[in-house]
Amino acid sequence: MKEEKKTGCCSCEKDFEKQVKKTVDAVEKYTGTDHEKKKAEVEAAFAEDKRR
């Protein structure tokens, strides 16, 4: 991701890389079951809106 340089990293770059790793880890833990649960939740919410 980042080019190796002999200069030090700024804190913003370190924070960015930490946030990217956190996001990737969260996505990798997301399963097909999670997707099905969320899909059902969204469909139920839209069905409720249509009834109003």
PDB file of N, CA and C in Angstrom:
ATOM      1  N   MET A   1       0.839  -1.182   0.000  1.00  0.00           N
ATOM      2  CA  MET A   1       0.000   0.000   0.000  1.00  0.00           C
ATOM      3  C   MET A   1       0.882   1.242   0.000  1.00  0.00           C
ATOM      4  N   LYS A   2       1.772   1.333   0.964  1.00  0.00           N
ATOM      5  CA  LYS A   2       2.595   2.532   1.050  1.00  0.00           C
ATOM      6  C   LYS A   2       3.965   2.229   0.481  1.00  0.00           C
ATOM      7  N   GLU A   3       4.531   3.184  -0.178  1.00  0.00           N
ATOM      8  CA  GLU A   3       5.868   3.015  -0.715  1.00  0.00           C
ATOM      9  C   GLU A   3       6.876   3.094   0.418  1.00  0.00           C
ATOM     10  N   GLU A   4       7.872   2.222   0.362  1.00  0.00           N
ATOM     11  CA  GLU A   4       8.906   2.253   1.389  1.00  0.00           C
ATOM     12  C   GLU A   4       9.851   3.406   1.092  1.00  0.00           C
ATOM     13  N   LYS A   5      10.015   4.261   2.060  1.00  0.00           N
ATOM     14  CA  LYS A   5      10.906   5.408   1.928  1.00  0.00           C
ATOM     15  C   LYS A   5      11.767   5.470   3.168  1.00  0.00           C
ATOM     16  N   LYS A   6      12.840   6.195   3.091  1.00  0.00           N
ATOM     17  CA  LYS A   6      13.716   6.333   4.243  1.00  0.00           C
ATOM     18  C   LYS A   6      13.233   7.419   5.190  1.00  0.00           C
ATOM     19  N   THR A   7      12.198   8.120   4.817  1.00  0.00           N
ATOM     20  CA  THR A   7      11.647   9.152   5.692  1.00  0.00           C
ATOM     21  C   THR A   7      10.619   8.518   6.612  1.00  0.00           C
ATOM     22  N   GLY A   8      10.388   9.132   7.744  1.00  0.00           N
ATOM     23  CA  GLY A   8       9.417   8.610   8.704  1.00  0.00           C
ATOM     24  C   GLY A   8       7.996   8.869   8.251  1.00  0.00           C
ATOM     25  N   CYS A   9       7.085   8.076   8.750  1.00  0.00           N
ATOM     26  CA  CYS A   9       5.666   8.239   8.432  1.00  0.00           C
ATOM     27  C   CYS A   9       5.069   9.342   9.286  1.00  0.00           C
ATOM     28  N   CYS A  10       4.135  10.034   8.732  1.00  0.00           N
ATOM     29  CA  CYS A  10       3.405  11.006   9.543  1.00  0.00           C
ATOM     30  C   CYS A  10       2.310  10.252  10.295  1.00  0.00           C
ATOM     31  N   SER A  11       1.837  10.815  11.358  1.00  0.00           N
ATOM     32  CA  SER A  11       0.821  10.130  12.163  1.00  0.00           C
ATOM     33  C   SER A  11      -0.471   9.912  11.383  1.00  0.00           C
ATOM     34  N   CYS A  12      -0.772  10.814  10.460  1.00  0.00           N
ATOM     35  CA  CYS A  12      -1.993  10.654   9.653  1.00  0.00           C
ATOM     36  C   CYS A  12      -1.921   9.388   8.806  1.00  0.00           C
ATOM     37  N   GLU A  13      -0.764   9.138   8.231  1.00  0.00           N
ATOM     38  CA  GLU A  13      -0.599   7.953   7.394  1.00  0.00           C
ATOM     39  C   GLU A  13      -0.725   6.685   8.237  1.00  0.00           C
ATOM     40  N   LYS A  14      -0.166   6.686   9.418  1.00  0.00           N
ATOM     41  CA  LYS A  14      -0.273   5.529  10.306  1.00  0.00           C
ATOM     42  C   LYS A  14      -1.725   5.303  10.705  1.00  0.00           C
ATOM     43  N   ASP A  15      -2.425   6.381  11.038  1.00  0.00           N
ATOM     44  CA  ASP A  15      -3.836   6.271  11.407  1.00  0.00           C
ATOM     45  C   ASP A  15      -4.664   5.738  10.244  1.00  0.00           C
ATOM     46  N   PHE A  16      -4.364   6.213   9.036  1.00  0.00           N
ATOM     47  CA  PHE A  16      -5.080   5.767   7.845  1.00  0.00           C
ATOM     48  C   PHE A  16      -4.880   4.266   7.637  1.00  0.00           C
ATOM     49  N   GLU A  17      -3.633   3.818   7.711  1.00  0.00           N
ATOM     50  CA  GLU A  17      -3.345   2.401   7.512  1.00  0.00           C
ATOM     51  C   GLU A  17      -4.009   1.544   8.585  1.00  0.00           C
ATOM     52  N   LYS A  18      -4.052   2.034   9.806  1.00  0.00           N
ATOM     53  CA  LYS A  18      -4.708   1.319  10.902  1.00  0.00           C
ATOM     54  C   LYS A  18      -6.209   1.192  10.632  1.00  0.00           C
ATOM     55  N   GLN A  19      -6.821   2.276  10.134  1.00  0.00           N
ATOM     56  CA  GLN A  19      -8.259   2.261   9.832  1.00  0.00           C
ATOM     57  C   GLN A  19      -8.561   1.328   8.659  1.00  0.00           C
ATOM     58  N   VAL A  20      -7.694   1.309   7.660  1.00  0.00           N
ATOM     59  CA  VAL A  20      -7.883   0.406   6.517  1.00  0.00           C
ATOM     60  C   VAL A  20      -7.831  -1.043   6.996  1.00  0.00           C
ATOM     61  N   LYS A  21      -6.854  -1.373   7.827  1.00  0.00           N
ATOM     62  CA  LYS A  21      -6.735  -2.736   8.350  1.00  0.00           C
ATOM     63  C   LYS A  21      -7.977  -3.113   9.151  1.00  0.00           C
ATOM     64  N   LYS A  22      -8.467  -2.187   9.965  1.00  0.00           N
ATOM     65  CA  LYS A  22      -9.662  -2.441  10.774  1.00  0.00           C
ATOM     66  C   LYS A  22     -10.870  -2.710   9.872  1.00  0.00           C
ATOM     67  N   THR A  23     -11.005  -1.926   8.802  1.00  0.00           N
ATOM     68  CA  THR A  23     -12.122  -2.087   7.869  1.00  0.00           C
ATOM     69  C   THR A  23     -12.030  -3.417   7.129  1.00  0.00           C
ATOM     70  N   VAL A  24     -10.835  -3.766   6.672  1.00  0.00           N
ATOM     71  CA  VAL A  24     -10.637  -5.035   5.965  1.00  0.00           C
ATOM     72  C   VAL A  24     -10.959  -6.203   6.886  1.00  0.00           C
ATOM     73  N   ASP A  25     -10.513  -6.138   8.124  1.00  0.00           N
ATOM     74  CA  ASP A  25     -10.812  -7.204   9.078  1.00  0.00           C
ATOM     75  C   ASP A  25     -12.316  -7.353   9.280  1.00  0.00           C
ATOM     76  N   ALA A  26     -13.029  -6.238   9.372  1.00  0.00           N
ATOM     77  CA  ALA A  26     -14.480  -6.274   9.561  1.00  0.00           C
ATOM     78  C   ALA A  26     -15.170  -6.900   8.352  1.00  0.00           C
ATOM     79  N   VAL A  27     -14.719  -6.574   7.158  1.00  0.00           N
ATOM     80  CA  VAL A  27     -15.319  -7.117   5.933  1.00  0.00           C
ATOM     81  C   VAL A  27     -15.042  -8.614   5.828  1.00  0.00           C
ATOM     82  N   GLU A  28     -13.839  -9.027   6.193  1.00  0.00           N
ATOM     83  CA  GLU A  28     -13.501 -10.444   6.112  1.00  0.00           C
ATOM     84  C   GLU A  28     -14.327 -11.282   7.084  1.00  0.00           C
ATOM     85  N   LYS A  29     -14.778 -10.695   8.180  1.00  0.00           N
ATOM     86  CA  LYS A  29     -15.585 -11.420   9.161  1.00  0.00           C
ATOM     87  C   LYS A  29     -17.054 -11.489   8.749  1.00  0.00           C
ATOM     88  N   TYR A  30     -17.468 -10.676   7.781  1.00  0.00           N
ATOM     89  CA  TYR A  30     -18.854 -10.628   7.316  1.00  0.00           C
ATOM     90  C   TYR A  30     -19.139 -11.890   6.518  1.00  0.00           C
ATOM     91  N   THR A  31     -20.160 -12.634   6.898  1.00  0.00           N
ATOM     92  CA  THR A  31     -20.438 -13.929   6.267  1.00  0.00           C
ATOM     93  C   THR A  31     -21.713 -13.877   5.434  1.00  0.00           C
ATOM     94  N   GLY A  32     -21.959 -14.953   4.723  1.00  0.00           N
ATOM     95  CA  GLY A  32     -23.190 -15.074   3.948  1.00  0.00           C
ATOM     96  C   GLY A  32     -24.421 -15.042   4.836  1.00  0.00           C
ATOM     97  N   THR A  33     -24.295 -15.616   6.027  1.00  0.00           N
ATOM     98  CA  THR A  33     -25.404 -15.594   6.986  1.00  0.00           C
ATOM     99  C   THR A  33     -25.713 -14.167   7.400  1.00  0.00           C
ATOM    100  N   ASP A  34     -24.663 -13.384   7.639  1.00  0.00           N
ATOM    101  CA  ASP A  34     -24.854 -11.971   7.982  1.00  0.00           C
ATOM    102  C   ASP A  34     -25.597 -11.254   6.861  1.00  0.00           C
ATOM    103  N   HIS A  35     -25.218 -11.574   5.626  1.00  0.00           N
ATOM    104  CA  HIS A  35     -25.851 -10.950   4.464  1.00  0.00           C
ATOM    105  C   HIS A  35     -27.341 -11.295   4.412  1.00  0.00           C
ATOM    106  N   GLU A  36     -27.672 -12.554   4.622  1.00  0.00           N
ATOM    107  CA  GLU A  36     -29.079 -12.977   4.584  1.00  0.00           C
ATOM    108  C   GLU A  36     -29.894 -12.299   5.682  1.00  0.00           C
ATOM    109  N   LYS A  37     -29.328 -12.174   6.880  1.00  0.00           N
ATOM    110  CA  LYS A  37     -30.037 -11.505   7.982  1.00  0.00           C
ATOM    111  C   LYS A  37     -30.303 -10.046   7.638  1.00  0.00           C
ATOM    112  N   LYS A  38     -29.286  -9.374   7.114  1.00  0.00           N
ATOM    113  CA  LYS A  38     -29.431  -7.953   6.782  1.00  0.00           C
ATOM    114  C   LYS A  38     -30.413  -7.779   5.638  1.00  0.00           C
ATOM    115  N   LYS A  39     -30.378  -8.676   4.657  1.00  0.00           N
ATOM    116  CA  LYS A  39     -31.303  -8.604   3.527  1.00  0.00           C
ATOM    117  C   LYS A  39     -32.746  -8.731   4.011  1.00  0.00           C
ATOM    118  N   ALA A  40     -32.998  -9.675   4.906  1.00  0.00           N
ATOM    119  CA  ALA A  40     -34.348  -9.862   5.451  1.00  0.00           C
ATOM    120  C   ALA A  40     -34.784  -8.632   6.238  1.00  0.00           C
ATOM    121  N   GLU A  41     -33.857  -8.055   6.981  1.00  0.00           N
ATOM    122  CA  GLU A  41     -34.160  -6.848   7.763  1.00  0.00           C
ATOM    123  C   GLU A  41     -34.550  -5.682   6.852  1.00  0.00           C
ATOM    124  N   VAL A  42     -33.820  -5.506   5.776  1.00  0.00           N
ATOM    125  CA  VAL A  42     -34.098  -4.417   4.834  1.00  0.00           C
ATOM    126  C   VAL A  42     -35.432  -4.651   4.127  1.00  0.00           C
ATOM    127  N   GLU A  43     -35.665  -5.877   3.680  1.00  0.00           N
ATOM    128  CA  GLU A  43     -36.928  -6.180   3.001  1.00  0.00           C
ATOM    129  C   GLU A  43     -38.121  -5.961   3.923  1.00  0.00           C
ATOM    130  N   ALA A  44     -37.992  -6.323   5.193  1.00  0.00           N
ATOM    131  CA  ALA A  44     -39.071  -6.113   6.162  1.00  0.00           C
ATOM    132  C   ALA A  44     -39.330  -4.624   6.365  1.00  0.00           C
ATOM    133  N   ALA A  45     -38.277  -3.842   6.411  1.00  0.00           N
ATOM    134  CA  ALA A  45     -38.429  -2.397   6.600  1.00  0.00           C
ATOM    135  C   ALA A  45     -39.139  -1.769   5.406  1.00  0.00           C
ATOM    136  N   PHE A  46     -38.784  -2.182   4.186  1.00  0.00           N
ATOM    137  CA  PHE A  46     -39.442  -1.636   3.000  1.00  0.00           C
ATOM    138  C   PHE A  46     -40.893  -2.097   2.914  1.00  0.00           C
ATOM    139  N   ALA A  47     -41.167  -3.324   3.311  1.00  0.00           N
ATOM    140  CA  ALA A  47     -42.542  -3.829   3.298  1.00  0.00           C
ATOM    141  C   ALA A  47     -43.398  -3.039   4.280  1.00  0.00           C
ATOM    142  N   GLU A  48     -42.830  -2.693   5.420  1.00  0.00           N
ATOM    143  CA  GLU A  48     -43.555  -1.899   6.416  1.00  0.00           C
ATOM    144  C   GLU A  48     -43.863  -0.504   5.873  1.00  0.00           C
ATOM    145  N   ASP A  49     -42.914   0.098   5.167  1.00  0.00           N
ATOM    146  CA  ASP A  49     -43.133   1.421   4.574  1.00  0.00           C
ATOM    147  C   ASP A  49     -44.240   1.382   3.521  1.00  0.00           C
ATOM    148  N   LYS A  50     -44.321   0.317   2.750  1.00  0.00           N
ATOM    149  CA  LYS A  50     -45.336   0.211   1.697  1.00  0.00           C
ATOM    150  C   LYS A  50     -46.737   0.074   2.273  1.00  0.00           C
ATOM    151  N   ARG A  51     -46.826  -0.485   3.486  1.00  0.00           N
ATOM    152  CA  ARG A  51     -48.129  -0.654   4.131  1.00  0.00           C
ATOM    153  C   ARG A  51     -48.697   0.665   4.624  1.00  0.00           C
ATOM    154  N   ARG A  52     -47.886   1.635   4.805  1.00  0.00           N
ATOM    155  CA  ARG A  52     -48.342   2.932   5.350  1.00  0.00           C
ATOM    156  C   ARG A  52     -48.969   3.796   4.309  1.00  0.00           C
TER     157      ARG A  52
END
